[in-house]
Amino acid sequence: MTGDSKQRQGLALTDHRVLILGGLLILVTAALLVGHARLEATRPDAGAEGAVHGGAAEPELLVIEFDSIAAMERAFKDHEFDWPPEAPVPPLQVRTLPEGLDDTDPDQRKALFFRSLLPLVLAENARIRRERGRLIDAFRKDRLQPSSPEYAFVTQVAERYRLDGDVNDPELRARLLRRVDVIPVPLALAQAAKESGWGTSRFTREANNLFGVRTWEQASGVVPEQRPAGANHLVRTFPELRQSVRNYLITLNVGGAYSSLRALRAEMRAQAQPLDAIRLAEGLVRYSERGEEYVGELQDMIRANGLHDLGELRLAEGAN
C-alpha cells in the first residue's frame, strides 16, 4: 500500500465442494485438489457492501487457495494459465495471496500477481457489463411504468449507484449509464500492483486490501503502523480478494473524486472507441495526494508491463 493514498471509503464457499450456478446452487462433486490448492465454485457474498447484484448473475469462478508459492505455480500450470495470458482466461479465483511473494524473483512475483488478479477483474467487469446491458434494454422504452419489473430493476440499480430521481428522466438515465460501466483491465491491474506493492503489503496480506481502502469502523479494519497522531482511520479488511476488487470498481464508478474518469469513459463510448486505460488514468488525479505524478506512474506501469497490449480477454466458457 502506498503511504500517500488519499481517503478512499469502501462502498462494498469455503469447503471442499464445487457448486454450479443454474437457477439453484447444486452440489455436484467433491473437492478438487491441485498440489496444496483447494478448488470450489463460488459467488461473492451477495450482501457485501458495495455489491451491485440487482438482477445481474454472478460470474462463477473456481476458488483456489495455496499454502505456498510452489503450490500457486503448480495450480496455474495445471490450468495452463501463463503470463502473458491467452484467451480464454481460466476462471480461477485466488481467495488470498500466500506468504512468500516478497521473497520471489521480481518477474515471477509480477506474473503470479497478475494471474491472481486478472480473473477477478474480468469476472467483476462481466457482472457490471451484464447489468449495463439490462439498463440499456430497459431504456429503450421512453417511459417505464412503476408496476413494471424494469422500473423496479432500474430503481434498485440507481439507488446502489447513489443516484436519486425519476428513472424516466433522460438525464438520470445518462448519469446512471456513466456509472454502470467497466474499468479496463490494464488500469485495474496497474493500480492493484501499485497500491499493494505487488501483493506484498501488510494490508494485502492481513486484510486482502489491494487498493488502500480506508474505513472508520473499528471492527472492520487494521490499524496502520504509521498512522498520524490523532487520526482514527483504519485500513479496511475484506474477506477475500474478490471483494476488494468489487469495492474498487464501485468506488471509481460512484465516488465524486472520479467523475472526470467517468466523463472520459462516456466520451469514448459516445465515439464508439475502445476504453483506453492510459487516458482513463488521467481521471485518477485525486486518487493520490501526488496527483499528476501518481497518474504518470500508473501510466508508466501499464506501458512497462505490457498491460496495454493484453487485447480483449475473456473468461473461459462457463465462467459467466
C-alpha atoms as a PDB file:
ATOM      1  CA  MET A   1       0.000   0.000   0.000  1.00  0.00           C
ATOM      2  CA  THR A   2       1.356   3.425  -0.858  1.00  0.00           C
ATOM      3  CA  GLY A   3       1.693   5.797   2.032  1.00  0.00           C
ATOM      4  CA  ASP A   4       0.211   8.786   0.236  1.00  0.00           C
ATOM      5  CA  SER A   5      -3.097   7.462  -0.976  1.00  0.00           C
ATOM      6  CA  LYS A   6      -5.995   9.728  -0.082  1.00  0.00           C
ATOM      7  CA  GLN A   7      -9.107   8.585   1.705  1.00  0.00           C
ATOM      8  CA  ARG A   8     -10.984   6.021  -0.332  1.00  0.00           C
ATOM      9  CA  GLN A   9     -14.010   4.874   1.617  1.00  0.00           C
ATOM     10  CA  GLY A  10     -15.171   1.442   0.603  1.00  0.00           C
ATOM     11  CA  LEU A  11     -18.771   1.144  -0.728  1.00  0.00           C
ATOM     12  CA  ALA A  12     -18.911  -2.926  -0.554  1.00  0.00           C
ATOM     13  CA  LEU A  13     -17.600 -21.006  -0.030  1.00  0.00           C
ATOM     14  CA  THR A  14     -15.429 -22.245   1.503  1.00  0.00           C
ATOM     15  CA  ASP A  15     -15.387 -26.055   1.981  1.00  0.00           C
ATOM     16  CA  HIS A  16     -14.147 -28.659  -0.439  1.00  0.00           C
ATOM     17  CA  ARG A  17     -17.120 -28.611  -2.838  1.00  0.00           C
ATOM     18  CA  VAL A  18     -17.869 -27.440  -6.356  1.00  0.00           C
ATOM     19  CA  LEU A  19     -21.123 -25.509  -6.799  1.00  0.00           C
ATOM     20  CA  ILE A  20     -22.600 -24.770 -10.189  1.00  0.00           C
ATOM     21  CA  LEU A  21     -24.992 -21.831 -10.663  1.00  0.00           C
ATOM     22  CA  GLY A  22     -28.018 -22.633 -12.761  1.00  0.00           C
ATOM     23  CA  GLY A  23     -31.063 -21.292 -11.009  1.00  0.00           C
ATOM     24  CA  LEU A  24     -30.120 -23.285  -7.890  1.00  0.00           C
ATOM     25  CA  LEU A  25     -26.691 -23.992  -6.464  1.00  0.00           C
ATOM     26  CA  ILE A  26     -26.272 -27.755  -6.685  1.00  0.00           C
ATOM     27  CA  LEU A  27     -23.551 -29.847  -5.156  1.00  0.00           C
ATOM     28  CA  VAL A  28     -22.069 -31.887  -7.985  1.00  0.00           C
ATOM     29  CA  THR A  29     -18.664 -33.048  -6.896  1.00  0.00           C
ATOM     30  CA  ALA A  30     -16.212 -33.239  -4.034  1.00  0.00           C
ATOM     31  CA  ALA A  31     -13.119 -31.141  -3.539  1.00  0.00           C
ATOM     32  CA  LEU A  32     -10.633 -30.781  -6.365  1.00  0.00           C
ATOM     33  CA  LEU A  33      -7.038 -30.739  -5.239  1.00  0.00           C
ATOM     34  CA  VAL A  34      -4.124 -29.240  -7.143  1.00  0.00           C
ATOM     35  CA  GLY A  35      -0.998 -29.824  -5.084  1.00  0.00           C
ATOM     36  CA  HIS A  36      -1.955 -27.987  -1.909  1.00  0.00           C
ATOM     37  CA  ALA A  37      -4.638 -25.899  -3.656  1.00  0.00           C
ATOM     38  CA  ARG A  38      -8.365 -26.251  -2.973  1.00  0.00           C
ATOM     39  CA  LEU A  39     -10.907 -25.527  -5.716  1.00  0.00           C
ATOM     40  CA  GLU A  40     -14.602 -24.815  -5.472  1.00  0.00           C
ATOM     41  CA  ALA A  41     -17.268 -22.850  -7.282  1.00  0.00           C
ATOM     42  CA  THR A  42     -18.293 -19.616  -5.616  1.00  0.00           C
ATOM     43  CA  ARG A  43     -20.160 -16.367  -5.696  1.00  0.00           C
ATOM     44  CA  PRO A  44     -19.053 -13.364  -3.674  1.00  0.00           C
ATOM     45  CA  ASP A  45     -21.235 -12.598  -0.696  1.00  0.00           C
ATOM     46  CA  ALA A  46     -24.333 -11.037  -2.235  1.00  0.00           C
ATOM     47  CA  GLY A  47     -24.716  -8.860   0.827  1.00  0.00           C
ATOM     48  CA  ALA A  48     -21.237  -7.372   0.714  1.00  0.00           C
ATOM     49  CA  GLU A  49     -21.119  -3.588   0.950  1.00  0.00           C
ATOM     50  CA  GLY A  50     -20.882  -2.020  -2.475  1.00  0.00           C
ATOM     51  CA  ALA A  51     -22.218  -5.098  -4.257  1.00  0.00           C
ATOM     52  CA  VAL A  52     -24.494  -4.285  -7.157  1.00  0.00           C
ATOM     53  CA  HIS A  53     -26.357  -7.512  -7.694  1.00  0.00           C
ATOM     54  CA  GLY A  54     -29.852  -6.471  -8.684  1.00  0.00           C
ATOM     55  CA  GLY A  55     -30.572  -8.970 -11.418  1.00  0.00           C
ATOM     56  CA  ALA A  56     -27.052  -9.461 -12.743  1.00  0.00           C
ATOM     57  CA  ALA A  57     -25.972 -13.087 -12.425  1.00  0.00           C
ATOM     58  CA  GLU A  58     -22.694 -13.616 -10.614  1.00  0.00           C
ATOM     59  CA  PRO A  59     -19.840 -14.909 -12.760  1.00  0.00           C
ATOM     60  CA  GLU A  60     -18.895 -18.331 -11.471  1.00  0.00           C
ATOM     61  CA  LEU A  61     -15.277 -18.987 -10.554  1.00  0.00           C
ATOM     62  CA  LEU A  62     -13.326 -21.837  -9.031  1.00  0.00           C
ATOM     63  CA  VAL A  63     -11.704 -20.834  -5.768  1.00  0.00           C
ATOM     64  CA  ILE A  64      -8.092 -21.838  -5.333  1.00  0.00           C
ATOM     65  CA  GLU A  65      -6.149 -21.494  -2.101  1.00  0.00           C
ATOM     66  CA  PHE A  66      -2.480 -22.203  -1.535  1.00  0.00           C
ATOM     67  CA  ASP A  67      -0.102 -22.842   1.314  1.00  0.00           C
ATOM     68  CA  SER A  68       2.992 -21.910  -0.704  1.00  0.00           C
ATOM     69  CA  ILE A  69       4.279 -20.137  -3.790  1.00  0.00           C
ATOM     70  CA  ALA A  70       5.172 -23.531  -5.270  1.00  0.00           C
ATOM     71  CA  ALA A  71       1.562 -24.705  -4.931  1.00  0.00           C
ATOM     72  CA  MET A  72       0.403 -21.493  -6.577  1.00  0.00           C
ATOM     73  CA  GLU A  73       2.722 -22.060  -9.543  1.00  0.00           C
ATOM     74  CA  ARG A  74       1.535 -25.673  -9.880  1.00  0.00           C
ATOM     75  CA  ALA A  75      -2.116 -24.656  -9.869  1.00  0.00           C
ATOM     76  CA  PHE A  76      -1.594 -22.101 -12.634  1.00  0.00           C
ATOM     77  CA  LYS A  77       0.455 -24.592 -14.637  1.00  0.00           C
ATOM     78  CA  ASP A  78      -2.201 -27.286 -14.280  1.00  0.00           C
ATOM     79  CA  HIS A  79      -4.778 -24.869 -15.671  1.00  0.00           C
ATOM     80  CA  GLU A  80      -2.435 -23.784 -18.493  1.00  0.00           C
ATOM     81  CA  PHE A  81      -2.581 -20.234 -17.194  1.00  0.00           C
ATOM     82  CA  ASP A  82       0.572 -18.439 -18.321  1.00  0.00           C
ATOM     83  CA  TRP A  83       1.608 -14.812 -18.298  1.00  0.00           C
ATOM     84  CA  PRO A  84       1.088 -13.038 -20.621  1.00  0.00           C
ATOM     85  CA  PRO A  85      -2.226 -14.898 -20.879  1.00  0.00           C
ATOM     86  CA  GLU A  86      -4.040 -16.270 -23.862  1.00  0.00           C
ATOM     87  CA  ALA A  87      -7.812 -16.076 -24.124  1.00  0.00           C
ATOM     88  CA  PRO A  88      -9.886 -17.572 -22.762  1.00  0.00           C
ATOM     89  CA  VAL A  89      -8.596 -16.974 -19.231  1.00  0.00           C
ATOM     90  CA  PRO A  90      -9.154 -19.853 -16.761  1.00  0.00           C
ATOM     91  CA  PRO A  91     -11.999 -18.950 -14.366  1.00  0.00           C
ATOM     92  CA  LEU A  92      -9.916 -19.157 -11.204  1.00  0.00           C
ATOM     93  CA  GLN A  93     -10.470 -17.174  -8.029  1.00  0.00           C
ATOM     94  CA  VAL A  94      -7.445 -16.765  -5.787  1.00  0.00           C
ATOM     95  CA  ARG A  95      -9.040 -16.134  -2.427  1.00  0.00           C
ATOM     96  CA  THR A  96      -5.929 -14.836  -0.657  1.00  0.00           C
ATOM     97  CA  LEU A  97      -2.285 -14.466  -1.609  1.00  0.00           C
ATOM     98  CA  PRO A  98       0.167 -16.881   0.026  1.00  0.00           C
ATOM     99  CA  GLU A  99       3.153 -15.875   2.105  1.00  0.00           C
ATOM    100  CA  GLY A 100       6.457 -15.578   0.298  1.00  0.00           C
ATOM    101  CA  LEU A 101       5.671 -13.268  -2.609  1.00  0.00           C
ATOM    102  CA  ASP A 102       8.210 -10.748  -1.324  1.00  0.00           C
ATOM    103  CA  ASP A 103      10.919 -13.435  -1.488  1.00  0.00           C
ATOM    104  CA  THR A 104      10.312 -14.355  -5.125  1.00  0.00           C
ATOM    105  CA  ASP A 105      12.126 -13.112  -8.189  1.00  0.00           C
ATOM    106  CA  PRO A 106      10.517  -9.812  -9.350  1.00  0.00           C
ATOM    107  CA  ASP A 107       9.442 -11.223 -12.709  1.00  0.00           C
ATOM    108  CA  GLN A 108       7.914 -14.291 -11.059  1.00  0.00           C
ATOM    109  CA  ARG A 109       6.168 -12.089  -8.496  1.00  0.00           C
ATOM    110  CA  LYS A 110       4.619  -9.947 -11.219  1.00  0.00           C
ATOM    111  CA  ALA A 111       3.425 -12.974 -13.183  1.00  0.00           C
ATOM    112  CA  LEU A 112       1.891 -14.567 -10.083  1.00  0.00           C
ATOM    113  CA  PHE A 113       0.246 -11.338  -9.015  1.00  0.00           C
ATOM    114  CA  PHE A 114      -1.266 -10.547 -12.408  1.00  0.00           C
ATOM    115  CA  ARG A 115      -2.594 -14.089 -12.847  1.00  0.00           C
ATOM    116  CA  SER A 116      -4.152 -13.929  -9.385  1.00  0.00           C
ATOM    117  CA  LEU A 117      -5.993 -10.687 -10.118  1.00  0.00           C
ATOM    118  CA  LEU A 118      -6.887 -10.974 -13.811  1.00  0.00           C
ATOM    119  CA  PRO A 119      -9.824 -13.431 -13.493  1.00  0.00           C
ATOM    120  CA  LEU A 120     -11.260 -11.402 -10.614  1.00  0.00           C
ATOM    121  CA  VAL A 121     -11.270  -8.185 -12.638  1.00  0.00           C
ATOM    122  CA  LEU A 122     -12.716  -9.978 -15.669  1.00  0.00           C
ATOM    123  CA  ALA A 123     -15.479 -11.564 -13.573  1.00  0.00           C
ATOM    124  CA  GLU A 124     -16.463  -8.321 -11.853  1.00  0.00           C
ATOM    125  CA  ASN A 125     -16.398  -6.407 -15.145  1.00  0.00           C
ATOM    126  CA  ALA A 126     -18.587  -9.118 -16.702  1.00  0.00           C
ATOM    127  CA  ARG A 127     -21.110  -8.658 -13.909  1.00  0.00           C
ATOM    128  CA  ILE A 128     -21.175  -4.892 -14.477  1.00  0.00           C
ATOM    129  CA  ARG A 129     -21.399  -5.348 -18.249  1.00  0.00           C
ATOM    130  CA  ARG A 130     -24.461  -7.556 -17.906  1.00  0.00           C
ATOM    131  CA  GLU A 131     -26.118  -5.067 -15.604  1.00  0.00           C
ATOM    132  CA  ARG A 132     -25.347  -2.252 -18.028  1.00  0.00           C
ATOM    133  CA  GLY A 133     -26.888  -4.314 -20.825  1.00  0.00           C
ATOM    134  CA  ARG A 134     -30.100  -4.699 -18.834  1.00  0.00           C
ATOM    135  CA  LEU A 135     -30.223  -0.964 -18.259  1.00  0.00           C
ATOM    136  CA  ILE A 136     -29.764  -0.223 -21.956  1.00  0.00           C
ATOM    137  CA  ASP A 137     -32.573  -2.655 -22.799  1.00  0.00           C
ATOM    138  CA  ALA A 138     -34.845  -1.013 -20.229  1.00  0.00           C
ATOM    139  CA  PHE A 139     -34.047   2.473 -21.523  1.00  0.00           C
ATOM    140  CA  ARG A 140     -35.280   1.572 -24.991  1.00  0.00           C
ATOM    141  CA  LYS A 141     -38.690   2.341 -23.556  1.00  0.00           C
ATOM    142  CA  ASP A 142     -39.376   6.055 -23.317  1.00  0.00           C
ATOM    143  CA  ARG A 143     -41.334   5.548 -20.148  1.00  0.00           C
ATOM    144  CA  LEU A 144     -41.209   2.738 -17.613  1.00  0.00           C
ATOM    145  CA  GLN A 145     -44.347   2.018 -15.623  1.00  0.00           C
ATOM    146  CA  PRO A 146     -43.864   1.913 -11.831  1.00  0.00           C
ATOM    147  CA  SER A 147     -45.504  -1.517 -11.749  1.00  0.00           C
ATOM    148  CA  SER A 148     -43.073  -2.999 -14.277  1.00  0.00           C
ATOM    149  CA  PRO A 149     -40.071  -5.228 -13.460  1.00  0.00           C
ATOM    150  CA  GLU A 150     -37.857  -2.887 -15.479  1.00  0.00           C
ATOM    151  CA  TYR A 151     -38.831   0.079 -13.305  1.00  0.00           C
ATOM    152  CA  ALA A 152     -38.016  -1.864 -10.142  1.00  0.00           C
ATOM    153  CA  PHE A 153     -34.687  -3.003 -11.565  1.00  0.00           C
ATOM    154  CA  VAL A 154     -33.574   0.454 -12.698  1.00  0.00           C
ATOM    155  CA  THR A 155     -34.654   1.989  -9.391  1.00  0.00           C
ATOM    156  CA  GLN A 156     -32.665  -0.589  -7.438  1.00  0.00           C
ATOM    157  CA  VAL A 157     -29.527  -0.075  -9.513  1.00  0.00           C
ATOM    158  CA  ALA A 158     -29.829   3.714  -9.291  1.00  0.00           C
ATOM    159  CA  GLU A 159     -30.039   3.522  -5.506  1.00  0.00           C
ATOM    160  CA  ARG A 160     -26.961   1.341  -5.312  1.00  0.00           C
ATOM    161  CA  TYR A 161     -25.054   3.679  -7.571  1.00  0.00           C
ATOM    162  CA  ARG A 162     -26.076   6.590  -5.323  1.00  0.00           C
ATOM    163  CA  LEU A 163     -28.437   8.362  -7.721  1.00  0.00           C
ATOM    164  CA  ASP A 164     -31.845   9.744  -6.828  1.00  0.00           C
ATOM    165  CA  GLY A 165     -34.614  10.888  -9.129  1.00  0.00           C
ATOM    166  CA  ASP A 166     -37.115   9.805 -11.726  1.00  0.00           C
ATOM    167  CA  VAL A 167     -35.894   6.748 -13.664  1.00  0.00           C
ATOM    168  CA  ASN A 168     -37.766   8.105 -16.700  1.00  0.00           C
ATOM    169  CA  ASP A 169     -35.699  11.298 -16.641  1.00  0.00           C
ATOM    170  CA  PRO A 170     -33.243  11.212 -19.594  1.00  0.00           C
ATOM    171  CA  GLU A 171     -30.580  12.991 -17.513  1.00  0.00           C
ATOM    172  CA  LEU A 172     -30.755  10.443 -14.706  1.00  0.00           C
ATOM    173  CA  ARG A 173     -30.575   7.625 -17.251  1.00  0.00           C
ATOM    174  CA  ALA A 174     -27.486   9.173 -18.828  1.00  0.00           C
ATOM    175  CA  ARG A 175     -25.829   9.639 -15.433  1.00  0.00           C
ATOM    176  CA  LEU A 176     -26.601   6.052 -14.472  1.00  0.00           C
ATOM    177  CA  LEU A 177     -25.034   4.690 -17.655  1.00  0.00           C
ATOM    178  CA  ARG A 178     -21.943   6.798 -16.963  1.00  0.00           C
ATOM    179  CA  ARG A 179     -21.625   4.994 -13.629  1.00  0.00           C
ATOM    180  CA  VAL A 180     -22.595   1.437 -14.513  1.00  0.00           C
ATOM    181  CA  ASP A 181     -19.633   0.599 -16.712  1.00  0.00           C
ATOM    182  CA  VAL A 182     -16.400  -1.381 -16.598  1.00  0.00           C
ATOM    183  CA  ILE A 183     -12.882  -0.322 -15.640  1.00  0.00           C
ATOM    184  CA  PRO A 184     -10.290  -1.503 -18.185  1.00  0.00           C
ATOM    185  CA  VAL A 185      -8.224  -4.468 -17.044  1.00  0.00           C
ATOM    186  CA  PRO A 186      -4.826  -2.729 -17.554  1.00  0.00           C
ATOM    187  CA  LEU A 187      -5.820   0.143 -15.274  1.00  0.00           C
ATOM    188  CA  ALA A 188      -7.205  -2.122 -12.533  1.00  0.00           C
ATOM    189  CA  LEU A 189      -4.130  -4.376 -12.590  1.00  0.00           C
ATOM    190  CA  ALA A 190      -1.712  -1.440 -12.516  1.00  0.00           C
ATOM    191  CA  GLN A 191      -3.465   0.189  -9.566  1.00  0.00           C
ATOM    192  CA  ALA A 192      -3.679  -3.068  -7.655  1.00  0.00           C
ATOM    193  CA  ALA A 193       0.048  -3.642  -8.174  1.00  0.00           C
ATOM    194  CA  LYS A 194       0.958  -0.113  -7.128  1.00  0.00           C
ATOM    195  CA  GLU A 195      -1.295   0.114  -4.093  1.00  0.00           C
ATOM    196  CA  SER A 196      -0.454  -3.359  -2.772  1.00  0.00           C
ATOM    197  CA  GLY A 197       3.274  -3.446  -3.555  1.00  0.00           C
ATOM    198  CA  TRP A 198       2.662  -6.364  -5.938  1.00  0.00           C
ATOM    199  CA  GLY A 199       0.702  -8.148  -3.222  1.00  0.00           C
ATOM    200  CA  THR A 200       3.413  -7.882  -0.560  1.00  0.00           C
ATOM    201  CA  SER A 201       1.992  -5.077   1.593  1.00  0.00           C
ATOM    202  CA  ARG A 202       0.934  -5.831   5.126  1.00  0.00           C
ATOM    203  CA  PHE A 203      -2.629  -4.760   4.364  1.00  0.00           C
ATOM    204  CA  THR A 204      -2.918  -7.077   1.398  1.00  0.00           C
ATOM    205  CA  ARG A 205      -1.551  -9.994   3.423  1.00  0.00           C
ATOM    206  CA  GLU A 206      -3.594  -9.322   6.565  1.00  0.00           C
ATOM    207  CA  ALA A 207      -6.709  -7.664   5.166  1.00  0.00           C
ATOM    208  CA  ASN A 208      -6.964  -8.712   1.487  1.00  0.00           C
ATOM    209  CA  ASN A 209      -6.951  -4.976   0.752  1.00  0.00           C
ATOM    210  CA  LEU A 210      -5.464  -4.358  -2.697  1.00  0.00           C
ATOM    211  CA  PHE A 211      -6.294  -0.685  -3.152  1.00  0.00           C
ATOM    212  CA  GLY A 212      -5.593   1.055   0.162  1.00  0.00           C
ATOM    213  CA  VAL A 213      -9.271   1.455   1.069  1.00  0.00           C
ATOM    214  CA  ARG A 214      -9.878   3.070   4.455  1.00  0.00           C
ATOM    215  CA  THR A 215     -12.649   2.648   6.994  1.00  0.00           C
ATOM    216  CA  TRP A 216     -13.652   4.234  10.296  1.00  0.00           C
ATOM    217  CA  GLU A 217     -15.427   1.153  11.643  1.00  0.00           C
ATOM    218  CA  GLN A 218     -13.232  -0.279  14.364  1.00  0.00           C
ATOM    219  CA  ALA A 219     -14.417  -3.837  13.808  1.00  0.00           C
ATOM    220  CA  SER A 220     -13.734  -3.734  10.062  1.00  0.00           C
ATOM    221  CA  GLY A 221     -10.135  -2.666   9.712  1.00  0.00           C
ATOM    222  CA  VAL A 222      -6.447  -2.905  10.540  1.00  0.00           C
ATOM    223  CA  VAL A 223      -4.547  -0.083  12.253  1.00  0.00           C
ATOM    224  CA  PRO A 224      -1.850   1.462  10.019  1.00  0.00           C
ATOM    225  CA  GLU A 225       1.565   1.287  11.623  1.00  0.00           C
ATOM    226  CA  GLN A 226       2.405   4.868  10.598  1.00  0.00           C
ATOM    227  CA  ARG A 227      -0.990   6.425  11.259  1.00  0.00           C
ATOM    228  CA  PRO A 228      -0.545  10.101  12.263  1.00  0.00           C
ATOM    229  CA  ALA A 229      -1.208  11.061  15.856  1.00  0.00           C
ATOM    230  CA  GLY A 230      -4.864  11.887  16.371  1.00  0.00           C
ATOM    231  CA  ALA A 231      -6.020  10.036  13.267  1.00  0.00           C
ATOM    232  CA  ASN A 232      -8.583   7.291  13.727  1.00  0.00           C
ATOM    233  CA  HIS A 233      -8.879   5.714  10.293  1.00  0.00           C
ATOM    234  CA  LEU A 234      -8.183   2.047   9.632  1.00  0.00           C
ATOM    235  CA  VAL A 235      -7.349   0.087   6.519  1.00  0.00           C
ATOM    236  CA  ARG A 236     -10.435  -1.881   5.622  1.00  0.00           C
ATOM    237  CA  THR A 237     -10.458  -5.670   5.861  1.00  0.00           C
ATOM    238  CA  PHE A 238     -12.027  -7.791   3.117  1.00  0.00           C
ATOM    239  CA  PRO A 239     -12.891 -11.489   3.489  1.00  0.00           C
ATOM    240  CA  GLU A 240     -11.149 -12.261   0.188  1.00  0.00           C
ATOM    241  CA  LEU A 241      -9.503 -10.549  -2.753  1.00  0.00           C
ATOM    242  CA  ARG A 242     -12.568 -10.547  -4.978  1.00  0.00           C
ATOM    243  CA  GLN A 243     -14.440  -8.291  -2.571  1.00  0.00           C
ATOM    244  CA  SER A 244     -11.538  -5.847  -2.688  1.00  0.00           C
ATOM    245  CA  VAL A 245     -11.728  -5.765  -6.492  1.00  0.00           C
ATOM    246  CA  ARG A 246     -15.501  -5.280  -6.396  1.00  0.00           C
ATOM    247  CA  ASN A 247     -15.178  -2.451  -3.904  1.00  0.00           C
ATOM    248  CA  TYR A 248     -12.569  -0.737  -6.094  1.00  0.00           C
ATOM    249  CA  LEU A 249     -14.804  -0.843  -9.161  1.00  0.00           C
ATOM    250  CA  ILE A 250     -17.845   0.540  -7.368  1.00  0.00           C
ATOM    251  CA  THR A 251     -15.726   3.255  -5.745  1.00  0.00           C
ATOM    252  CA  LEU A 252     -14.462   4.530  -9.100  1.00  0.00           C
ATOM    253  CA  ASN A 253     -17.980   4.343 -10.528  1.00  0.00           C
ATOM    254  CA  VAL A 254     -19.628   6.238  -7.670  1.00  0.00           C
ATOM    255  CA  GLY A 255     -17.037   8.415  -5.938  1.00  0.00           C
ATOM    256  CA  GLY A 256     -17.226  12.144  -6.607  1.00  0.00           C
ATOM    257  CA  ALA A 257     -13.429  12.301  -6.887  1.00  0.00           C
ATOM    258  CA  TYR A 258     -13.567  10.176 -10.052  1.00  0.00           C
ATOM    259  CA  SER A 259     -16.233  11.972 -12.069  1.00  0.00           C
ATOM    260  CA  SER A 260     -13.591  13.000 -14.606  1.00  0.00           C
ATOM    261  CA  LEU A 261     -12.726   9.339 -15.213  1.00  0.00           C
ATOM    262  CA  ARG A 262     -16.390   8.592 -15.832  1.00  0.00           C
ATOM    263  CA  ALA A 263     -16.679  11.583 -18.175  1.00  0.00           C
ATOM    264  CA  LEU A 264     -13.670  10.404 -20.189  1.00  0.00           C
ATOM    265  CA  ARG A 265     -15.123   6.902 -20.383  1.00  0.00           C
ATOM    266  CA  ALA A 266     -18.513   8.222 -21.519  1.00  0.00           C
ATOM    267  CA  GLU A 267     -16.790  10.271 -24.223  1.00  0.00           C
ATOM    268  CA  MET A 268     -15.043   7.141 -25.507  1.00  0.00           C
ATOM    269  CA  ARG A 269     -18.352   5.282 -25.514  1.00  0.00           C
ATOM    270  CA  ALA A 270     -20.081   8.087 -27.402  1.00  0.00           C
ATOM    271  CA  GLN A 271     -17.376   7.969 -30.071  1.00  0.00           C
ATOM    272  CA  ALA A 272     -17.516   4.144 -30.243  1.00  0.00           C
ATOM    273  CA  GLN A 273     -13.879   3.960 -29.150  1.00  0.00           C
ATOM    274  CA  PRO A 274     -12.347   1.149 -27.082  1.00  0.00           C
ATOM    275  CA  LEU A 275     -11.721   2.140 -23.474  1.00  0.00           C
ATOM    276  CA  ASP A 276      -8.142   3.438 -23.261  1.00  0.00           C
ATOM    277  CA  ALA A 277      -6.580   2.683 -19.860  1.00  0.00           C
ATOM    278  CA  ILE A 278      -3.740   5.178 -20.414  1.00  0.00           C
ATOM    279  CA  ARG A 279      -6.184   8.032 -20.985  1.00  0.00           C
ATOM    280  CA  LEU A 280      -8.584   6.933 -18.263  1.00  0.00           C
ATOM    281  CA  ALA A 281      -5.732   7.028 -15.746  1.00  0.00           C
ATOM    282  CA  GLU A 282      -5.906  10.815 -16.110  1.00  0.00           C
ATOM    283  CA  GLY A 283      -9.211  10.629 -14.259  1.00  0.00           C
ATOM    284  CA  LEU A 284      -7.449   9.327 -11.142  1.00  0.00           C
ATOM    285  CA  VAL A 285      -5.590  12.517 -10.337  1.00  0.00           C
ATOM    286  CA  ARG A 286      -7.453  12.712  -6.996  1.00  0.00           C
ATOM    287  CA  TYR A 287      -6.725   9.113  -6.013  1.00  0.00           C
ATOM    288  CA  SER A 288      -3.425  10.218  -4.517  1.00  0.00           C
ATOM    289  CA  GLU A 289      -2.084  13.362  -2.912  1.00  0.00           C
ATOM    290  CA  ARG A 290       0.647  13.316  -5.563  1.00  0.00           C
ATOM    291  CA  GLY A 291      -1.906  13.967  -8.283  1.00  0.00           C
ATOM    292  CA  GLU A 292      -0.372  14.116 -11.751  1.00  0.00           C
ATOM    293  CA  GLU A 293       2.794  12.374 -10.579  1.00  0.00           C
ATOM    294  CA  TYR A 294       0.713   9.420  -9.402  1.00  0.00           C
ATOM    295  CA  VAL A 295      -1.158   9.313 -12.721  1.00  0.00           C
ATOM    296  CA  GLY A 296       2.140   9.288 -14.608  1.00  0.00           C
ATOM    297  CA  GLU A 297       3.401   6.388 -12.509  1.00  0.00           C
ATOM    298  CA  LEU A 298       0.259   4.371 -13.290  1.00  0.00           C
ATOM    299  CA  GLN A 299       0.637   5.072 -16.988  1.00  0.00           C
ATOM    300  CA  ASP A 300       4.300   4.032 -16.850  1.00  0.00           C
ATOM    301  CA  MET A 301       3.355   0.793 -15.075  1.00  0.00           C
ATOM    302  CA  ILE A 302       0.785  -0.029 -17.749  1.00  0.00           C
ATOM    303  CA  ARG A 303       3.335   0.512 -20.505  1.00  0.00           C
ATOM    304  CA  ALA A 304       6.329  -1.106 -18.761  1.00  0.00           C
ATOM    305  CA  ASN A 305       4.388  -4.294 -18.009  1.00  0.00           C
ATOM    306  CA  GLY A 306       2.770  -4.586 -21.417  1.00  0.00           C
ATOM    307  CA  LEU A 307      -0.705  -4.319 -19.922  1.00  0.00           C
ATOM    308  CA  HIS A 308      -1.975  -2.130 -22.774  1.00  0.00           C
ATOM    309  CA  ASP A 309      -1.062  -4.987 -25.157  1.00  0.00           C
ATOM    310  CA  LEU A 310      -3.296  -7.586 -23.477  1.00  0.00           C
ATOM    311  CA  GLY A 311      -6.072  -7.110 -26.009  1.00  0.00           C
ATOM    312  CA  GLU A 312      -9.610  -8.368 -25.496  1.00  0.00           C
ATOM    313  CA  LEU A 313      -9.555 -11.019 -22.801  1.00  0.00           C
ATOM    314  CA  ARG A 314     -12.464 -13.078 -21.569  1.00  0.00           C
ATOM    315  CA  LEU A 315     -13.019 -15.807 -19.036  1.00  0.00           C
ATOM    316  CA  ALA A 316     -13.274 -19.377 -20.248  1.00  0.00           C
ATOM    317  CA  GLU A 317     -16.758 -20.504 -21.234  1.00  0.00           C
ATOM    318  CA  GLY A 318     -18.905 -21.474 -18.300  1.00  0.00           C
ATOM    319  CA  ALA A 319     -17.403 -18.808 -16.051  1.00  0.00           C
ATOM    320  CA  ASN A 320     -20.031 -16.207 -16.803  1.00  0.00           C
END
